[in-house]
Amino acid sequence: MTADVLLERAAMAAAEEVLRVIYGDDLQGCTVSIDNVAAVIRAAIEAHVANSAEITDLHGKAFEAVQLLATPPADGGTLSPEDLRSLLGERLDKIHELATKILGATG
């Protein structure tokens, strides 16, 4: 069963349940189409899924960036203590900037 079919079934079931809560089990007096309510629910679910996918992608890219930033430089053994402090400071600043962007996007 495809994700689209599962989404459609979930939206229809939710729409039917919403209308049952409002009108009772027999849906007596309901003039609203279950399909119309399901379309609204489906749109909300799709927006949520798209946002979740974007956040997941952002987290993946962030971990890749942190991994790159955490990798010691090839010439690390030849750096002076001052150069090494400067490099580490720059990398920590970039990690902080990245974490701030992620928290802003997910907050």
Protein backbone atom coordinates (compact mmCIF):
# COMPACT_ATOMS: atom_id res chain seq x y z
CA MET A 1 0.00 0.00 0.00
CA THR A 2 1.44 3.38 -0.99
CA ALA A 3 1.97 6.28 1.35
CA ASP A 4 -0.58 8.27 -0.66
CA VAL A 5 -3.26 5.63 -0.12
CA LEU A 6 -2.44 5.43 3.59
CA LEU A 7 -2.63 9.22 3.87
CA GLU A 8 -5.98 9.28 2.09
CA ARG A 9 -7.40 6.58 4.36
CA ALA A 10 -6.15 8.36 7.47
CA ALA A 11 -7.63 11.68 6.31
CA MET A 12 -10.99 10.05 5.52
CA ALA A 13 -11.11 8.26 8.88
CA ALA A 14 -10.24 11.47 10.71
CA ALA A 15 -12.86 13.43 8.75
CA GLU A 16 -15.53 10.86 9.54
CA GLU A 17 -14.59 10.89 13.22
CA VAL A 18 -14.70 14.72 13.34
CA LEU A 19 -18.17 14.74 11.82
CA ARG A 20 -19.31 12.01 14.23
CA VAL A 21 -18.12 14.10 17.17
CA ILE A 22 -20.07 17.07 15.87
CA TYR A 23 -23.24 15.35 14.58
CA GLY A 24 -23.34 12.04 16.44
CA ASP A 25 -22.85 8.49 15.21
CA ASP A 26 -25.67 8.68 12.67
CA LEU A 27 -24.41 11.99 11.18
CA GLN A 28 -28.04 13.19 11.26
CA GLY A 29 -28.25 16.77 9.99
CA CYS A 30 -24.74 16.79 8.55
CA THR A 31 -24.60 18.74 5.30
CA VAL A 32 -20.83 18.73 5.03
CA SER A 33 -19.14 16.25 2.72
CA ILE A 34 -16.68 13.90 4.38
CA ASP A 35 -14.49 14.35 1.29
CA ASN A 36 -14.28 18.12 1.89
CA VAL A 37 -13.30 17.67 5.52
CA ALA A 38 -10.81 14.95 4.54
CA ALA A 39 -9.21 17.31 2.01
CA VAL A 40 -8.59 19.87 4.76
CA ILE A 41 -7.14 17.21 7.07
CA ARG A 42 -5.00 15.78 4.28
CA ALA A 43 -3.57 19.22 3.47
CA ALA A 44 -2.64 19.72 7.12
CA ILE A 45 -0.99 16.30 7.30
CA GLU A 46 0.93 16.91 4.05
CA ALA A 47 2.21 20.26 5.33
CA HIS A 48 3.34 18.62 8.55
CA VAL A 49 5.08 15.79 6.69
CA ALA A 50 6.85 18.25 4.37
CA ASN A 51 8.03 20.31 7.35
CA SER A 52 9.24 17.18 9.14
CA ALA A 53 11.18 16.13 6.04
CA GLU A 54 12.83 19.55 5.81
CA ILE A 55 13.81 19.44 9.48
CA THR A 56 15.19 15.91 9.09
CA ASP A 57 17.24 17.05 6.11
CA LEU A 58 18.49 20.07 8.05
CA HIS A 59 19.57 17.87 10.95
CA GLY A 60 21.39 15.51 8.58
CA LYS A 61 23.28 18.39 6.97
CA ALA A 62 24.07 19.82 10.38
CA PHE A 63 25.60 16.57 11.62
CA GLU A 64 27.67 16.32 8.44
CA ALA A 65 28.92 19.87 9.02
CA VAL A 66 29.74 19.17 12.67
CA GLN A 67 31.61 16.03 11.63
CA LEU A 68 33.66 18.06 9.15
CA LEU A 69 34.33 20.73 11.74
CA ALA A 70 35.36 18.10 14.29
CA THR A 71 37.86 16.46 11.91
CA PRO A 72 41.42 17.44 12.82
CA PRO A 73 43.23 19.41 10.12
CA ALA A 74 45.80 17.50 8.06
CA ASP A 75 48.50 19.96 9.09
CA GLY A 76 47.40 20.05 12.73
CA GLY A 77 50.73 18.79 13.99
CA THR A 78 52.57 21.72 12.42
CA LEU A 79 50.27 24.45 13.74
CA SER A 80 51.55 26.71 16.46
CA PRO A 81 49.55 26.78 19.69
CA GLU A 82 48.21 30.22 18.73
CA ASP A 83 47.14 29.02 15.26
CA LEU A 84 45.52 25.95 16.79
CA ARG A 85 43.61 28.10 19.31
CA SER A 86 42.45 30.35 16.48
CA LEU A 87 41.33 27.37 14.36
CA LEU A 88 39.45 25.80 17.27
CA GLY A 89 37.79 29.13 18.08
CA GLU A 90 36.63 29.54 14.47
CA ARG A 91 35.26 26.00 14.40
CA LEU A 92 33.42 26.44 17.69
CA ASP A 93 31.92 29.69 16.38
CA LYS A 94 30.68 27.85 13.27
CA ILE A 95 29.20 25.04 15.38
CA HIS A 96 27.45 27.62 17.56
CA GLU A 97 26.11 29.42 14.47
CA LEU A 98 24.86 26.15 13.01
CA ALA A 99 23.18 25.11 16.27
CA THR A 100 21.48 28.51 16.46
CA LYS A 101 20.13 28.12 12.90
CA ILE A 102 18.77 24.65 13.67
CA LEU A 103 17.12 25.77 16.88
CA GLY A 104 15.60 28.72 15.02
CA ALA A 105 14.24 26.48 12.29
CA THR A 106 12.79 23.92 14.68
CA GLY A 107 11.58 26.30 17.36
